[in-house]
Amino acid sequence: MAARNLLLRAVSAVIGLPLVGALIFLREPWPFAVFAFVVAGLALREYAALALRDRPPLERAATIVIGVAFAAAVWWRPYLAHLWMMVAVMLIGAVAVFTARSEDMATAGARLGATGFGVFYVGGLIAALPLLHQESAHGRLWVVCALAVTFIADTGAYFVGKSVGRHKLAPVVSPGKTWEGAFGGLGAGLGFMFVARATFFPALTPLDCALVGLASGVAGPIGDLMESLVKRSAGAKDSGNLIPGHGGMLDRIDAVLFVGAYVYLHVRLLH
């Protein structure tokens, strides 16, 4: 079963990576941005199915639309992000009010929180990647690093955890993850960043390599575990079955959302 899962992951990567790479290196930035928003819509659909599974379809659809619109608005005019956030909060509130049912008023606050969290969790964080993509002369390479270091850290954590993992990292949330795997992922992420500096991205500084590598080993697992918490609360193993070997779209981007957001902040603040 594990070998079959690895094979499916490899096939998915062989098919998907060239497409993503082509979008990243296109002359115009908007195709990659559109791709990011499509990914956000798919991930929000899965999130809504988990966190709002007992709610009317209109409420789940509104969560998807507001989240994608928020991401697109932040990318389009990032200097108006505070305005877009206020609009999103008002829309979330309006949806909650007009879809409210008398029989579930006791859970209205939790429902409102789940909707709002999804909009800002997926829609807010994914906007970092298209913003990073057009951030500077090296924006495309930063996106490559953000994506690659996340996947390499995740792969390192998987193999080290399977080989020598003994001490559970967060047993209540994700029993399969171990501290040994986490340190293995951290080492893999750090190693990749220094390899990137020595090969295709010489503009990276040692500090860049250290901080982004650390983020891949810290922020990435937090994003992964947080999504596991959402799934466990809904009694689900995967967020969906869209990508063979990986589960759903949200399963694939849970760590990328956190690492990508860190890399965008890193570039904005340190470059």
C-alpha atoms as a PDB file:
ATOM      1  CA  MET A   1       0.000   0.000   0.000  1.00  0.00           C
ATOM      2  CA  ALA A   2       2.819   2.407   0.886  1.00  0.00           C
ATOM      3  CA  ALA A   3       4.647   1.577  -2.364  1.00  0.00           C
ATOM      4  CA  ARG A   4       1.472   2.176  -4.375  1.00  0.00           C
ATOM      5  CA  ASN A   5       0.942   5.500  -2.622  1.00  0.00           C
ATOM      6  CA  LEU A   6       4.522   6.568  -3.431  1.00  0.00           C
ATOM      7  CA  LEU A   7       4.019   5.588  -7.068  1.00  0.00           C
ATOM      8  CA  LEU A   8       0.830   7.659  -7.287  1.00  0.00           C
ATOM      9  CA  ARG A   9       2.644  10.607  -5.721  1.00  0.00           C
ATOM     10  CA  ALA A  10       5.453  10.307  -8.254  1.00  0.00           C
ATOM     11  CA  VAL A  11       3.041  10.131 -11.195  1.00  0.00           C
ATOM     12  CA  SER A  12       1.120  13.161  -9.907  1.00  0.00           C
ATOM     13  CA  ALA A  13       4.384  15.098  -9.577  1.00  0.00           C
ATOM     14  CA  VAL A  14       5.546  14.159 -13.089  1.00  0.00           C
ATOM     15  CA  ILE A  15       2.264  15.440 -14.515  1.00  0.00           C
ATOM     16  CA  GLY A  16       1.776  18.484 -12.313  1.00  0.00           C
ATOM     17  CA  LEU A  17       5.235  19.982 -11.874  1.00  0.00           C
ATOM     18  CA  PRO A  18       5.884  20.868 -15.543  1.00  0.00           C
ATOM     19  CA  LEU A  19       2.524  22.656 -15.681  1.00  0.00           C
ATOM     20  CA  VAL A  20       3.228  24.672 -12.540  1.00  0.00           C
ATOM     21  CA  GLY A  21       6.758  25.448 -13.735  1.00  0.00           C
ATOM     22  CA  ALA A  22       5.480  26.706 -17.084  1.00  0.00           C
ATOM     23  CA  LEU A  23       2.989  28.999 -15.372  1.00  0.00           C
ATOM     24  CA  ILE A  24       5.659  30.389 -13.056  1.00  0.00           C
ATOM     25  CA  PHE A  25       8.020  31.291 -15.891  1.00  0.00           C
ATOM     26  CA  LEU A  26       5.522  32.754 -18.341  1.00  0.00           C
ATOM     27  CA  ARG A  27       6.255  36.363 -19.251  1.00  0.00           C
ATOM     28  CA  GLU A  28       2.920  37.633 -17.909  1.00  0.00           C
ATOM     29  CA  PRO A  29       2.185  37.186 -14.188  1.00  0.00           C
ATOM     30  CA  TRP A  30      -1.598  36.791 -14.421  1.00  0.00           C
ATOM     31  CA  PRO A  31      -1.753  33.109 -15.567  1.00  0.00           C
ATOM     32  CA  PHE A  32       0.066  32.006 -12.415  1.00  0.00           C
ATOM     33  CA  ALA A  33      -2.222  34.206 -10.329  1.00  0.00           C
ATOM     34  CA  VAL A  34      -5.323  32.683 -11.953  1.00  0.00           C
ATOM     35  CA  PHE A  35      -3.883  29.226 -11.296  1.00  0.00           C
ATOM     36  CA  ALA A  36      -3.412  30.136  -7.617  1.00  0.00           C
ATOM     37  CA  PHE A  37      -7.017  31.317  -7.367  1.00  0.00           C
ATOM     38  CA  VAL A  38      -8.317  28.121  -8.989  1.00  0.00           C
ATOM     39  CA  VAL A  39      -6.283  26.135  -6.465  1.00  0.00           C
ATOM     40  CA  ALA A  40      -7.762  28.293  -3.694  1.00  0.00           C
ATOM     41  CA  GLY A  41     -11.282  27.577  -4.931  1.00  0.00           C
ATOM     42  CA  LEU A  42     -10.675  23.825  -4.964  1.00  0.00           C
ATOM     43  CA  ALA A  43      -9.100  23.919  -1.493  1.00  0.00           C
ATOM     44  CA  LEU A  44     -11.938  26.055  -0.109  1.00  0.00           C
ATOM     45  CA  ARG A  45     -14.477  23.644  -1.537  1.00  0.00           C
ATOM     46  CA  GLU A  46     -12.832  20.855   0.445  1.00  0.00           C
ATOM     47  CA  TYR A  47     -12.529  23.045   3.549  1.00  0.00           C
ATOM     48  CA  ALA A  48     -16.223  23.955   3.394  1.00  0.00           C
ATOM     49  CA  ALA A  49     -17.154  20.281   2.991  1.00  0.00           C
ATOM     50  CA  LEU A  50     -15.222  19.541   6.199  1.00  0.00           C
ATOM     51  CA  ALA A  51     -15.891  22.547   8.423  1.00  0.00           C
ATOM     52  CA  LEU A  52     -19.405  23.362   7.163  1.00  0.00           C
ATOM     53  CA  ARG A  53     -20.548  19.896   6.194  1.00  0.00           C
ATOM     54  CA  ASP A  54     -23.992  20.253   7.820  1.00  0.00           C
ATOM     55  CA  ARG A  55     -24.694  23.699   6.403  1.00  0.00           C
ATOM     56  CA  PRO A  56     -26.791  24.613   3.344  1.00  0.00           C
ATOM     57  CA  PRO A  57     -24.991  24.512  -0.042  1.00  0.00           C
ATOM     58  CA  LEU A  58     -25.434  28.286  -0.390  1.00  0.00           C
ATOM     59  CA  GLU A  59     -23.379  28.907   2.739  1.00  0.00           C
ATOM     60  CA  ARG A  60     -20.591  26.605   1.608  1.00  0.00           C
ATOM     61  CA  ALA A  61     -20.589  28.167  -1.870  1.00  0.00           C
ATOM     62  CA  ALA A  62     -20.435  31.673  -0.366  1.00  0.00           C
ATOM     63  CA  THR A  63     -17.356  30.675   1.655  1.00  0.00           C
ATOM     64  CA  ILE A  64     -15.623  29.575  -1.546  1.00  0.00           C
ATOM     65  CA  VAL A  65     -16.577  32.685  -3.510  1.00  0.00           C
ATOM     66  CA  ILE A  66     -15.640  35.140  -0.751  1.00  0.00           C
ATOM     67  CA  GLY A  67     -12.314  33.386  -0.131  1.00  0.00           C
ATOM     68  CA  VAL A  68     -11.290  33.389  -3.788  1.00  0.00           C
ATOM     69  CA  ALA A  69     -12.483  36.978  -4.268  1.00  0.00           C
ATOM     70  CA  PHE A  70     -10.500  38.068  -1.214  1.00  0.00           C
ATOM     71  CA  ALA A  71      -7.327  36.437  -2.570  1.00  0.00           C
ATOM     72  CA  ALA A  72      -7.824  38.036  -5.992  1.00  0.00           C
ATOM     73  CA  ALA A  73      -8.514  41.475  -4.505  1.00  0.00           C
ATOM     74  CA  VAL A  74      -5.401  41.353  -2.307  1.00  0.00           C
ATOM     75  CA  TRP A  75      -3.302  40.384  -5.336  1.00  0.00           C
ATOM     76  CA  TRP A  76      -4.898  43.049  -7.547  1.00  0.00           C
ATOM     77  CA  ARG A  77      -4.496  45.916  -5.060  1.00  0.00           C
ATOM     78  CA  PRO A  78      -2.405  44.772  -2.089  1.00  0.00           C
ATOM     79  CA  TYR A  79      -2.214  48.276  -0.637  1.00  0.00           C
ATOM     80  CA  LEU A  80      -5.991  48.055  -0.071  1.00  0.00           C
ATOM     81  CA  ALA A  81      -5.724  44.787   1.885  1.00  0.00           C
ATOM     82  CA  HIS A  82      -7.326  46.316   4.985  1.00  0.00           C
ATOM     83  CA  LEU A  83     -10.290  47.457   2.903  1.00  0.00           C
ATOM     84  CA  TRP A  84     -10.666  44.000   1.323  1.00  0.00           C
ATOM     85  CA  MET A  85     -10.561  42.447   4.788  1.00  0.00           C
ATOM     86  CA  MET A  86     -13.383  44.691   6.017  1.00  0.00           C
ATOM     87  CA  VAL A  87     -15.476  43.865   2.959  1.00  0.00           C
ATOM     88  CA  ALA A  88     -14.845  40.155   3.471  1.00  0.00           C
ATOM     89  CA  VAL A  89     -15.880  40.331   7.143  1.00  0.00           C
ATOM     90  CA  MET A  90     -19.102  42.140   6.231  1.00  0.00           C
ATOM     91  CA  LEU A  91     -19.909  39.585   3.538  1.00  0.00           C
ATOM     92  CA  ILE A  92     -19.186  36.684   5.891  1.00  0.00           C
ATOM     93  CA  GLY A  93     -21.494  38.248   8.473  1.00  0.00           C
ATOM     94  CA  ALA A  94     -24.245  38.827   5.921  1.00  0.00           C
ATOM     95  CA  VAL A  95     -24.098  35.208   4.751  1.00  0.00           C
ATOM     96  CA  ALA A  96     -24.251  33.935   8.343  1.00  0.00           C
ATOM     97  CA  VAL A  97     -27.270  36.129   9.127  1.00  0.00           C
ATOM     98  CA  PHE A  98     -29.291  35.278   6.037  1.00  0.00           C
ATOM     99  CA  THR A  99     -28.637  31.539   6.152  1.00  0.00           C
ATOM    100  CA  ALA A 100     -29.316  31.251   9.899  1.00  0.00           C
ATOM    101  CA  ARG A 101     -31.849  28.625  11.005  1.00  0.00           C
ATOM    102  CA  SER A 102     -33.659  28.674  14.324  1.00  0.00           C
ATOM    103  CA  GLU A 103     -32.685  25.090  15.183  1.00  0.00           C
ATOM    104  CA  ASP A 104     -28.936  25.742  15.158  1.00  0.00           C
ATOM    105  CA  MET A 105     -28.601  29.154  16.787  1.00  0.00           C
ATOM    106  CA  ALA A 106     -26.572  27.571  19.584  1.00  0.00           C
ATOM    107  CA  THR A 107     -23.762  26.894  17.118  1.00  0.00           C
ATOM    108  CA  ALA A 108     -24.031  30.145  15.146  1.00  0.00           C
ATOM    109  CA  GLY A 109     -20.832  31.566  16.635  1.00  0.00           C
ATOM    110  CA  ALA A 110     -18.801  28.468  15.790  1.00  0.00           C
ATOM    111  CA  ARG A 111     -20.243  28.459  12.278  1.00  0.00           C
ATOM    112  CA  LEU A 112     -19.397  32.116  11.784  1.00  0.00           C
ATOM    113  CA  GLY A 113     -15.856  31.447  12.989  1.00  0.00           C
ATOM    114  CA  ALA A 114     -15.438  28.455  10.679  1.00  0.00           C
ATOM    115  CA  THR A 115     -16.538  30.457   7.654  1.00  0.00           C
ATOM    116  CA  GLY A 116     -14.342  33.446   8.461  1.00  0.00           C
ATOM    117  CA  PHE A 117     -11.346  31.293   9.268  1.00  0.00           C
ATOM    118  CA  GLY A 118     -11.605  29.470   5.944  1.00  0.00           C
ATOM    119  CA  VAL A 119     -11.746  32.708   3.961  1.00  0.00           C
ATOM    120  CA  PHE A 120      -8.623  34.140   5.570  1.00  0.00           C
ATOM    121  CA  TYR A 121      -6.794  30.826   6.016  1.00  0.00           C
ATOM    122  CA  VAL A 122      -6.948  29.755   2.375  1.00  0.00           C
ATOM    123  CA  GLY A 123      -7.830  32.979   0.558  1.00  0.00           C
ATOM    124  CA  GLY A 124      -5.577  35.196   2.635  1.00  0.00           C
ATOM    125  CA  LEU A 125      -2.511  32.981   2.704  1.00  0.00           C
ATOM    126  CA  ILE A 126      -2.566  31.807  -0.906  1.00  0.00           C
ATOM    127  CA  ALA A 127      -2.458  35.425  -2.121  1.00  0.00           C
ATOM    128  CA  ALA A 128       1.175  35.484  -0.944  1.00  0.00           C
ATOM    129  CA  LEU A 129       2.321  33.312  -3.859  1.00  0.00           C
ATOM    130  CA  PRO A 130       1.093  35.482  -6.778  1.00  0.00           C
ATOM    131  CA  LEU A 131       2.247  38.564  -4.853  1.00  0.00           C
ATOM    132  CA  LEU A 132       5.676  36.983  -4.386  1.00  0.00           C
ATOM    133  CA  HIS A 133       5.715  35.998  -8.058  1.00  0.00           C
ATOM    134  CA  GLN A 134       5.708  39.646  -9.143  1.00  0.00           C
ATOM    135  CA  GLU A 135       7.550  41.071  -6.148  1.00  0.00           C
ATOM    136  CA  SER A 136      10.955  41.722  -7.701  1.00  0.00           C
ATOM    137  CA  ALA A 137      13.344  40.697 -10.454  1.00  0.00           C
ATOM    138  CA  HIS A 138      13.770  37.388  -8.624  1.00  0.00           C
ATOM    139  CA  GLY A 139      10.093  36.844  -7.809  1.00  0.00           C
ATOM    140  CA  ARG A 140       9.754  33.732  -9.955  1.00  0.00           C
ATOM    141  CA  LEU A 141      12.774  32.100  -8.347  1.00  0.00           C
ATOM    142  CA  TRP A 142      11.429  32.923  -4.903  1.00  0.00           C
ATOM    143  CA  VAL A 143       8.184  31.129  -5.811  1.00  0.00           C
ATOM    144  CA  VAL A 144      10.185  28.124  -7.022  1.00  0.00           C
ATOM    145  CA  CYS A 145      12.059  28.084  -3.719  1.00  0.00           C
ATOM    146  CA  ALA A 146       8.884  28.447  -1.645  1.00  0.00           C
ATOM    147  CA  LEU A 147       7.224  25.524  -3.406  1.00  0.00           C
ATOM    148  CA  ALA A 148      10.277  23.299  -3.722  1.00  0.00           C
ATOM    149  CA  VAL A 149      11.535  23.739  -0.165  1.00  0.00           C
ATOM    150  CA  THR A 150       8.076  22.878   1.174  1.00  0.00           C
ATOM    151  CA  PHE A 151       7.804  19.687  -0.839  1.00  0.00           C
ATOM    152  CA  ILE A 152      11.398  18.631  -0.142  1.00  0.00           C
ATOM    153  CA  ALA A 153      11.007  19.244   3.597  1.00  0.00           C
ATOM    154  CA  ASP A 154       7.770  17.246   3.549  1.00  0.00           C
ATOM    155  CA  THR A 155       9.465  14.394   1.675  1.00  0.00           C
ATOM    156  CA  GLY A 156      12.417  14.423   4.065  1.00  0.00           C
ATOM    157  CA  ALA A 157      10.069  14.313   7.042  1.00  0.00           C
ATOM    158  CA  TYR A 158       8.146  11.408   5.506  1.00  0.00           C
ATOM    159  CA  PHE A 159      11.181   9.188   4.861  1.00  0.00           C
ATOM    160  CA  VAL A 160      13.001   9.989   8.105  1.00  0.00           C
ATOM    161  CA  GLY A 161       9.795   9.526  10.086  1.00  0.00           C
ATOM    162  CA  LYS A 162       9.108   6.176   8.424  1.00  0.00           C
ATOM    163  CA  SER A 163      12.692   5.018   8.974  1.00  0.00           C
ATOM    164  CA  VAL A 164      13.549   6.112  12.509  1.00  0.00           C
ATOM    165  CA  GLY A 165      10.510   7.944  13.871  1.00  0.00           C
ATOM    166  CA  ARG A 166       9.700   6.987  17.458  1.00  0.00           C
ATOM    167  CA  HIS A 167       8.550  10.074  19.370  1.00  0.00           C
ATOM    168  CA  LYS A 168       5.142  11.424  18.429  1.00  0.00           C
ATOM    169  CA  LEU A 169       5.003  15.088  17.447  1.00  0.00           C
ATOM    170  CA  ALA A 170       1.277  15.732  17.948  1.00  0.00           C
ATOM    171  CA  PRO A 171      -0.340  12.350  18.648  1.00  0.00           C
ATOM    172  CA  VAL A 172      -3.863  13.672  19.179  1.00  0.00           C
ATOM    173  CA  VAL A 173      -3.907  15.565  15.885  1.00  0.00           C
ATOM    174  CA  SER A 174      -1.715  13.399  13.625  1.00  0.00           C
ATOM    175  CA  PRO A 175      -0.494  10.129  15.180  1.00  0.00           C
ATOM    176  CA  GLY A 176       1.837   9.335  12.275  1.00  0.00           C
ATOM    177  CA  LYS A 177       4.062  12.402  12.613  1.00  0.00           C
ATOM    178  CA  THR A 178       7.191  12.207  14.749  1.00  0.00           C
ATOM    179  CA  TRP A 179       9.832  14.549  16.094  1.00  0.00           C
ATOM    180  CA  GLU A 180      12.469  12.603  14.193  1.00  0.00           C
ATOM    181  CA  GLY A 181      10.545  13.187  10.977  1.00  0.00           C
ATOM    182  CA  ALA A 182      10.188  16.876  11.782  1.00  0.00           C
ATOM    183  CA  PHE A 183      13.945  17.257  12.232  1.00  0.00           C
ATOM    184  CA  GLY A 184      14.535  15.268   9.069  1.00  0.00           C
ATOM    185  CA  GLY A 185      12.279  17.652   7.163  1.00  0.00           C
ATOM    186  CA  LEU A 186      14.039  20.631   8.681  1.00  0.00           C
ATOM    187  CA  GLY A 187      17.423  19.306   7.578  1.00  0.00           C
ATOM    188  CA  ALA A 188      16.138  18.581   4.077  1.00  0.00           C
ATOM    189  CA  GLY A 189      14.714  22.084   3.751  1.00  0.00           C
ATOM    190  CA  LEU A 190      17.920  23.734   4.933  1.00  0.00           C
ATOM    191  CA  GLY A 191      19.985  21.572   2.632  1.00  0.00           C
ATOM    192  CA  PHE A 192      17.830  22.412  -0.374  1.00  0.00           C
ATOM    193  CA  MET A 193      18.116  26.169   0.189  1.00  0.00           C
ATOM    194  CA  PHE A 194      21.913  26.066   0.250  1.00  0.00           C
ATOM    195  CA  VAL A 195      21.903  23.874  -2.874  1.00  0.00           C
ATOM    196  CA  ALA A 196      19.609  26.423  -4.539  1.00  0.00           C
ATOM    197  CA  ARG A 197      22.081  29.191  -3.674  1.00  0.00           C
ATOM    198  CA  ALA A 198      24.951  27.199  -5.157  1.00  0.00           C
ATOM    199  CA  THR A 199      23.116  26.347  -8.377  1.00  0.00           C
ATOM    200  CA  PHE A 200      20.168  28.277  -9.818  1.00  0.00           C
ATOM    201  CA  PHE A 201      19.618  31.168  -7.339  1.00  0.00           C
ATOM    202  CA  PRO A 202      22.982  32.785  -6.461  1.00  0.00           C
ATOM    203  CA  ALA A 203      21.255  35.972  -5.243  1.00  0.00           C
ATOM    204  CA  LEU A 204      20.255  34.123  -2.066  1.00  0.00           C
ATOM    205  CA  THR A 205      22.262  35.065   0.998  1.00  0.00           C
ATOM    206  CA  PRO A 206      23.246  32.580   3.708  1.00  0.00           C
ATOM    207  CA  LEU A 207      20.675  34.288   5.955  1.00  0.00           C
ATOM    208  CA  ASP A 208      17.986  33.754   3.309  1.00  0.00           C
ATOM    209  CA  CYS A 209      18.879  30.087   3.106  1.00  0.00           C
ATOM    210  CA  ALA A 210      18.860  29.641   6.870  1.00  0.00           C
ATOM    211  CA  LEU A 211      15.589  31.473   7.522  1.00  0.00           C
ATOM    212  CA  VAL A 212      13.603  30.010   4.630  1.00  0.00           C
ATOM    213  CA  GLY A 213      14.971  26.543   5.385  1.00  0.00           C
ATOM    214  CA  LEU A 214      13.915  26.931   9.017  1.00  0.00           C
ATOM    215  CA  ALA A 215      10.474  28.145   7.931  1.00  0.00           C
ATOM    216  CA  SER A 216      10.022  25.029   5.814  1.00  0.00           C
ATOM    217  CA  GLY A 217      10.727  22.869   8.856  1.00  0.00           C
ATOM    218  CA  VAL A 218       8.633  24.876  11.328  1.00  0.00           C
ATOM    219  CA  ALA A 219       5.854  26.763   9.530  1.00  0.00           C
ATOM    220  CA  GLY A 220       5.270  23.924   7.065  1.00  0.00           C
ATOM    221  CA  PRO A 221       4.516  21.251   9.698  1.00  0.00           C
ATOM    222  CA  ILE A 222       2.309  23.707  11.602  1.00  0.00           C
ATOM    223  CA  GLY A 223       0.252  24.234   8.457  1.00  0.00           C
ATOM    224  CA  ASP A 224       0.086  20.481   7.911  1.00  0.00           C
ATOM    225  CA  LEU A 225      -0.979  19.804  11.503  1.00  0.00           C
ATOM    226  CA  MET A 226      -3.560  22.564  11.456  1.00  0.00           C
ATOM    227  CA  GLU A 227      -5.220  21.055   8.398  1.00  0.00           C
ATOM    228  CA  SER A 228      -5.095  17.658  10.121  1.00  0.00           C
ATOM    229  CA  LEU A 229      -6.952  19.240  13.036  1.00  0.00           C
ATOM    230  CA  VAL A 230      -9.705  20.423  10.674  1.00  0.00           C
ATOM    231  CA  LYS A 231      -9.948  16.958   9.116  1.00  0.00           C
ATOM    232  CA  ARG A 232      -9.944  15.162  12.461  1.00  0.00           C
ATOM    233  CA  SER A 233     -12.723  17.399  13.773  1.00  0.00           C
ATOM    234  CA  ALA A 234     -14.777  16.318  10.746  1.00  0.00           C
ATOM    235  CA  GLY A 235     -13.815  12.646  11.067  1.00  0.00           C
ATOM    236  CA  ALA A 236     -12.042  12.615   7.692  1.00  0.00           C
ATOM    237  CA  LYS A 237      -8.676  11.103   6.706  1.00  0.00           C
ATOM    238  CA  ASP A 238      -8.145  13.293   3.624  1.00  0.00           C
ATOM    239  CA  SER A 239      -9.685  16.567   2.530  1.00  0.00           C
ATOM    240  CA  GLY A 240     -10.638  14.933  -0.789  1.00  0.00           C
ATOM    241  CA  ASN A 241      -9.407  12.609  -3.526  1.00  0.00           C
ATOM    242  CA  LEU A 242      -8.575  15.086  -6.271  1.00  0.00           C
ATOM    243  CA  ILE A 243      -4.851  14.297  -6.541  1.00  0.00           C
ATOM    244  CA  PRO A 244      -3.845  10.607  -6.662  1.00  0.00           C
ATOM    245  CA  GLY A 245      -1.473   9.740  -3.843  1.00  0.00           C
ATOM    246  CA  HIS A 246      -1.959  13.071  -2.106  1.00  0.00           C
ATOM    247  CA  GLY A 247      -5.663  13.241  -1.279  1.00  0.00           C
ATOM    248  CA  GLY A 248      -7.336  16.577  -1.824  1.00  0.00           C
ATOM    249  CA  MET A 249      -6.046  19.959  -2.909  1.00  0.00           C
ATOM    250  CA  LEU A 250      -6.018  21.211   0.669  1.00  0.00           C
ATOM    251  CA  ASP A 251      -3.909  18.199   1.662  1.00  0.00           C
ATOM    252  CA  ARG A 252      -1.370  19.221  -0.992  1.00  0.00           C
ATOM    253  CA  ILE A 253      -1.142  22.926  -0.152  1.00  0.00           C
ATOM    254  CA  ASP A 254      -1.583  22.939   3.642  1.00  0.00           C
ATOM    255  CA  ALA A 255       2.141  23.473   4.286  1.00  0.00           C
ATOM    256  CA  VAL A 256       2.645  25.624   1.162  1.00  0.00           C
ATOM    257  CA  LEU A 257       0.134  28.176   2.473  1.00  0.00           C
ATOM    258  CA  PHE A 258       2.253  28.796   5.573  1.00  0.00           C
ATOM    259  CA  VAL A 259       5.687  28.592   3.967  1.00  0.00           C
ATOM    260  CA  GLY A 260       4.637  30.746   0.998  1.00  0.00           C
ATOM    261  CA  ALA A 261       3.281  33.413   3.340  1.00  0.00           C
ATOM    262  CA  TYR A 262       6.542  33.390   5.302  1.00  0.00           C
ATOM    263  CA  VAL A 263       8.673  33.686   2.148  1.00  0.00           C
ATOM    264  CA  TYR A 264       6.600  36.638   0.923  1.00  0.00           C
ATOM    265  CA  LEU A 265       7.041  38.415   4.273  1.00  0.00           C
ATOM    266  CA  HIS A 266      10.743  37.516   4.243  1.00  0.00           C
ATOM    267  CA  VAL A 267      11.250  39.112   0.824  1.00  0.00           C
ATOM    268  CA  ARG A 268       9.182  42.180   1.676  1.00  0.00           C
ATOM    269  CA  LEU A 269      10.960  42.830   4.968  1.00  0.00           C
ATOM    270  CA  LEU A 270      14.546  41.756   4.237  1.00  0.00           C
ATOM    271  CA  HIS A 271      15.013  42.628   0.550  1.00  0.00           C
END
